[in-house]
Amino acid sequence: MTTPSTLREPEGIHNFREVGPYRLSGGGAIRGERIYRSGALEQMTAADAAWLAEELGLRTVLDLRHGDEIALRHGPHPLEDRVFLNSIFPDHVRQEDLIAELNGLYGAGISPGRYMHYLEIGGDKLARAFELFAEEENYPFLVHCTAGKDRTGVLIGMIMDVLGASPEDIAHEYGLSDLSIDRLLAYLRSSGRDLQGTDEEIRARLATPPEKMAGFIELLHEKYGSSEAFFLSQGVSAEKIERVRGLLTARA
């Protein structure tokens, strides 16, 4: 298993990390300083914003959140000129109703089946998000949602799958979000979320056991053959898929 790179943790951003440098089956590794991931950004400090913009040189902030979540934001986004909004959940349905539907189908916690449902209700949006990675001028990326683990985890896992990362590394990358549960809890509470249950129950719902992502990738392969095949089914061209591989693969 490849050890991912380490960065300093921004003061006001939870679950922040670089994706890579995982080894790839076709040779090489995921190219460094290309993709970062995190939870919500509205509590970033001025120093955080300067670090992201000037030191990391972010060009694209891919925000996967629903409109209802974005509406909770207070004040302008410090990196507004780089933000690309692309909710993978339909905005014409309330976030509260979407969550209730998912909970009714799969239970309150995460599951491989719940993640597969993301592909059913937001497959076209996932495909459009993936296509952004085919353009050199969009790099470096920061991909985020509210927690930075579920919607972000599904997209990052699928990109890693397309590149040729091992299922073990995809699952491991997803599992790293467990290290940020305390900061995620603090963010949710400070932003006024009504968290149901005991702390133990809440933590269990927010946890990211690697086997959940491994199960999702297995189900995806069973249904579509691969993440590449899924994106092709959503209208992404083979040329763009190869371009993404070229832009995100570092050769030895």
Protein backbone atom coordinates (compact mmCIF):
# COMPACT_ATOMS: atom_id res chain seq x y z
CA MET A 1 0.00 0.00 0.00
CA THR A 2 1.28 3.43 -0.94
CA THR A 3 1.67 5.99 1.83
CA PRO A 4 -0.11 9.25 0.93
CA SER A 5 1.67 12.57 1.15
CA THR A 6 1.29 14.79 4.20
CA LEU A 7 0.58 18.52 4.40
CA ARG A 8 0.01 20.95 7.20
CA GLU A 9 -3.61 21.05 8.36
CA PRO A 10 -5.37 24.35 7.65
CA GLU A 11 -6.70 26.03 10.77
CA GLY A 12 -10.27 26.51 9.56
CA ILE A 13 -10.76 23.58 7.15
CA HIS A 14 -11.52 20.06 8.33
CA ASN A 15 -10.54 16.84 6.56
CA PHE A 16 -7.99 18.49 4.27
CA ARG A 17 -5.38 16.40 2.45
CA GLU A 18 -3.66 15.77 -0.86
CA VAL A 19 -4.70 12.76 -2.93
CA GLY A 20 -1.58 10.73 -3.71
CA PRO A 21 1.03 9.56 -4.46
CA TYR A 22 -0.62 6.14 -4.79
CA ARG A 23 0.96 3.66 -7.19
CA LEU A 24 -0.99 2.76 -10.33
CA SER A 25 -1.43 -0.59 -12.05
CA GLY A 26 -0.31 0.77 -15.42
CA GLY A 27 2.92 2.10 -13.95
CA GLY A 28 3.82 5.31 -12.18
CA ALA A 29 1.80 6.97 -9.45
CA ILE A 30 -0.85 9.62 -8.97
CA ARG A 31 0.85 12.90 -9.74
CA GLY A 32 1.44 15.10 -6.71
CA GLU A 33 0.14 18.64 -6.16
CA ARG A 34 -2.78 18.04 -8.52
CA ILE A 35 -5.80 17.11 -6.37
CA TYR A 36 -6.61 18.08 -2.80
CA ARG A 37 -9.79 17.25 -0.88
CA SER A 38 -11.56 18.61 2.18
CA GLY A 39 -14.76 19.38 3.99
CA ALA A 40 -16.59 22.71 3.84
CA LEU A 41 -14.47 25.84 3.47
CA GLU A 42 -16.50 28.72 4.92
CA GLN A 43 -14.64 28.70 8.24
CA MET A 44 -11.22 29.03 6.62
CA THR A 45 -9.00 31.76 7.99
CA ALA A 46 -7.41 34.49 5.91
CA ALA A 47 -4.11 32.63 6.29
CA ASP A 48 -5.77 29.43 5.02
CA ALA A 49 -7.15 31.23 1.97
CA ALA A 50 -3.77 32.79 1.17
CA TRP A 51 -2.03 29.41 1.56
CA LEU A 52 -4.50 27.68 -0.78
CA ALA A 53 -4.38 30.43 -3.39
CA GLU A 54 -0.73 31.42 -3.30
CA GLU A 55 1.29 28.45 -2.05
CA LEU A 56 -0.80 25.58 -3.41
CA GLY A 57 -1.90 27.68 -6.39
CA LEU A 58 -5.44 26.29 -6.50
CA ARG A 59 -7.26 27.09 -9.72
CA THR A 60 -10.47 25.11 -9.23
CA VAL A 61 -12.54 24.59 -6.08
CA LEU A 62 -15.08 21.90 -6.99
CA ASP A 63 -18.00 22.22 -4.55
CA LEU A 64 -20.27 19.15 -4.60
CA ARG A 65 -22.75 20.45 -2.03
CA HIS A 66 -26.50 20.85 -2.42
CA GLY A 67 -27.96 24.36 -2.66
CA ASP A 68 -29.52 24.01 0.80
CA GLU A 69 -26.06 23.50 2.31
CA ILE A 70 -24.57 26.44 0.44
CA ALA A 71 -27.43 28.63 1.67
CA LEU A 72 -26.19 28.11 5.25
CA ARG A 73 -22.95 29.87 4.38
CA HIS A 74 -22.35 33.25 6.00
CA GLY A 75 -20.62 35.87 3.88
CA PRO A 76 -18.70 35.58 0.60
CA HIS A 77 -16.43 32.65 -0.17
CA PRO A 78 -12.77 33.77 0.09
CA LEU A 79 -11.95 31.87 -3.14
CA GLU A 80 -15.22 32.63 -4.94
CA ASP A 81 -13.56 33.28 -8.29
CA ARG A 82 -12.27 29.69 -8.38
CA VAL A 83 -15.44 27.89 -7.25
CA PHE A 84 -17.30 25.53 -9.59
CA LEU A 85 -20.67 24.50 -8.11
CA ASN A 86 -21.71 20.99 -9.08
CA SER A 87 -24.14 19.39 -6.65
CA ILE A 88 -24.42 15.67 -7.30
CA PHE A 89 -27.80 15.71 -5.55
CA PRO A 90 -30.72 17.28 -7.49
CA ASP A 91 -31.26 20.84 -6.31
CA HIS A 92 -34.99 20.75 -7.04
CA VAL A 93 -35.43 18.34 -4.10
CA ARG A 94 -34.78 19.58 -0.57
CA GLN A 95 -31.61 18.21 1.04
CA GLU A 96 -33.66 17.15 4.06
CA ASP A 97 -35.96 15.07 1.86
CA LEU A 98 -33.04 13.49 0.01
CA ILE A 99 -31.42 12.40 3.26
CA ALA A 100 -34.73 11.02 4.54
CA GLU A 101 -35.11 9.01 1.33
CA LEU A 102 -31.57 7.62 1.58
CA ASN A 103 -32.05 6.79 5.25
CA GLY A 104 -35.28 4.99 4.45
CA LEU A 105 -33.60 2.91 1.77
CA TYR A 106 -30.24 2.19 3.41
CA GLY A 107 -30.40 3.20 7.08
CA ALA A 108 -28.87 6.26 8.71
CA GLY A 109 -25.23 5.21 8.28
CA ILE A 110 -23.10 4.99 5.17
CA SER A 111 -23.11 1.84 3.05
CA PRO A 112 -21.92 0.68 -0.37
CA GLY A 113 -25.54 0.62 -1.55
CA ARG A 114 -26.07 4.21 -0.42
CA TYR A 115 -23.05 5.30 -2.45
CA MET A 116 -24.32 3.39 -5.49
CA HIS A 117 -27.53 5.38 -5.17
CA TYR A 118 -25.46 8.54 -5.66
CA LEU A 119 -24.72 7.24 -9.17
CA GLU A 120 -28.44 6.78 -9.84
CA ILE A 121 -29.50 10.27 -8.77
CA GLY A 122 -26.35 12.18 -9.71
CA GLY A 123 -24.46 10.15 -12.29
CA ASP A 124 -24.61 12.92 -14.88
CA LYS A 125 -23.22 15.42 -12.37
CA LEU A 126 -20.41 13.04 -11.39
CA ALA A 127 -19.57 12.69 -15.08
CA ARG A 128 -19.51 16.46 -15.61
CA ALA A 129 -17.27 16.81 -12.55
CA PHE A 130 -14.93 14.15 -13.93
CA GLU A 131 -14.67 15.98 -17.26
CA LEU A 132 -13.24 19.03 -15.49
CA PHE A 133 -10.14 16.96 -14.73
CA ALA A 134 -9.43 16.59 -18.45
CA GLU A 135 -8.42 20.26 -18.75
CA GLU A 136 -4.88 21.25 -17.77
CA GLU A 137 -5.86 24.83 -16.96
CA ASN A 138 -8.15 23.64 -14.14
CA TYR A 139 -5.30 22.26 -12.01
CA PRO A 140 -4.63 22.16 -9.10
CA PHE A 141 -8.07 21.12 -7.79
CA LEU A 142 -9.67 21.17 -4.37
CA VAL A 143 -12.72 18.87 -4.23
CA HIS A 144 -15.05 19.24 -1.28
CA CYS A 145 -18.54 18.75 0.12
CA THR A 146 -19.68 19.31 3.71
CA ALA A 147 -17.80 16.50 5.46
CA GLY A 148 -15.37 15.79 2.62
CA LYS A 149 -15.91 12.05 2.91
CA ASP A 150 -19.08 10.81 1.15
CA ARG A 151 -19.76 12.71 -2.09
CA THR A 152 -16.11 13.75 -2.23
CA GLY A 153 -15.09 10.19 -1.37
CA VAL A 154 -17.18 8.69 -4.16
CA LEU A 155 -15.78 11.03 -6.82
CA ILE A 156 -12.18 10.69 -5.63
CA GLY A 157 -12.55 6.90 -5.40
CA MET A 158 -13.85 6.73 -8.95
CA ILE A 159 -11.05 8.94 -10.27
CA MET A 160 -8.50 6.74 -8.51
CA ASP A 161 -10.17 3.68 -10.05
CA VAL A 162 -9.95 5.17 -13.54
CA LEU A 163 -6.26 5.92 -12.99
CA GLY A 164 -5.52 2.34 -11.92
CA ALA A 165 -5.09 2.65 -8.16
CA SER A 166 -5.59 -0.60 -6.26
CA PRO A 167 -8.89 -1.24 -4.46
CA GLU A 168 -6.86 -1.34 -1.23
CA ASP A 169 -5.44 2.14 -1.82
CA ILE A 170 -8.85 3.53 -2.81
CA ALA A 171 -10.32 2.16 0.42
CA HIS A 172 -7.35 3.39 2.46
CA GLU A 173 -7.63 6.93 1.05
CA TYR A 174 -11.31 7.00 1.96
CA GLY A 175 -10.62 5.72 5.47
CA LEU A 176 -8.27 8.61 6.24
CA SER A 177 -11.31 10.83 6.82
CA ASP A 178 -11.77 9.07 10.17
CA LEU A 179 -8.85 11.14 11.47
CA SER A 180 -10.95 14.30 11.13
CA ILE A 181 -14.16 13.24 12.87
CA ASP A 182 -13.58 15.52 15.89
CA ARG A 183 -13.10 18.56 13.65
CA LEU A 184 -16.08 17.56 11.51
CA LEU A 185 -18.27 17.31 14.62
CA ALA A 186 -17.10 20.75 15.77
CA TYR A 187 -17.88 22.21 12.33
CA LEU A 188 -21.36 20.67 12.19
CA ARG A 189 -22.24 21.94 15.64
CA SER A 190 -20.86 25.43 15.06
CA SER A 191 -22.82 25.71 11.80
CA GLY A 192 -26.10 24.93 13.56
CA ARG A 193 -26.71 21.35 12.44
CA ASP A 194 -29.18 19.39 14.56
CA LEU A 195 -27.30 16.13 15.24
CA GLN A 196 -29.56 13.33 16.42
CA GLY A 197 -28.40 10.66 18.90
CA THR A 198 -25.57 10.22 21.37
CA ASP A 199 -21.98 11.17 20.56
CA GLU A 200 -21.23 7.48 20.05
CA GLU A 201 -24.09 7.12 17.57
CA ILE A 202 -23.13 10.28 15.72
CA ARG A 203 -19.50 9.20 15.44
CA ALA A 204 -20.59 5.81 14.12
CA ARG A 205 -22.63 7.53 11.39
CA LEU A 206 -19.72 9.80 10.45
CA ALA A 207 -17.07 7.06 10.44
CA THR A 208 -15.38 5.99 7.18
CA PRO A 209 -14.43 2.30 7.51
CA PRO A 210 -12.33 1.41 4.44
CA GLU A 211 -14.51 -1.62 3.74
CA LYS A 212 -17.45 0.68 2.92
CA MET A 213 -15.57 2.23 0.01
CA ALA A 214 -14.20 -1.18 -0.99
CA GLY A 215 -17.77 -2.47 -1.09
CA PHE A 216 -18.89 0.46 -3.23
CA ILE A 217 -16.10 -0.11 -5.76
CA GLU A 218 -16.99 -3.81 -5.87
CA LEU A 219 -20.67 -3.05 -6.52
CA LEU A 220 -19.75 -0.47 -9.15
CA HIS A 221 -17.57 -3.03 -10.96
CA GLU A 222 -20.30 -5.65 -10.77
CA LYS A 223 -22.86 -3.33 -12.35
CA TYR A 224 -20.79 -1.31 -14.83
CA GLY A 225 -17.48 -3.17 -15.18
CA SER A 226 -15.36 -0.22 -14.02
CA SER A 227 -15.51 3.48 -13.20
CA GLU A 228 -14.28 4.15 -16.73
CA ALA A 229 -17.21 2.20 -18.16
CA PHE A 230 -19.60 4.14 -15.94
CA PHE A 231 -18.28 7.49 -17.16
CA LEU A 232 -18.45 6.31 -20.77
CA SER A 233 -22.11 5.38 -20.16
CA GLN A 234 -22.70 8.97 -18.99
CA GLY A 235 -21.33 10.47 -22.19
CA VAL A 236 -17.70 11.12 -21.20
CA SER A 237 -15.51 10.50 -24.23
CA ALA A 238 -12.67 7.98 -24.26
CA GLU A 239 -10.40 10.86 -25.28
CA LYS A 240 -11.21 12.82 -22.12
CA ILE A 241 -10.65 9.76 -19.96
CA GLU A 242 -7.20 9.27 -21.47
CA ARG A 243 -6.48 12.96 -20.99
CA VAL A 244 -7.33 12.67 -17.29
CA ARG A 245 -4.95 9.70 -17.00
CA GLY A 246 -2.21 11.66 -18.69
CA LEU A 247 -2.65 14.71 -16.50
CA LEU A 248 -2.78 12.73 -13.25
CA THR A 249 -0.13 10.07 -13.81
CA ALA A 250 3.49 10.68 -12.83
CA ARG A 251 5.87 8.33 -14.61
CA ALA A 252 9.04 7.14 -12.91
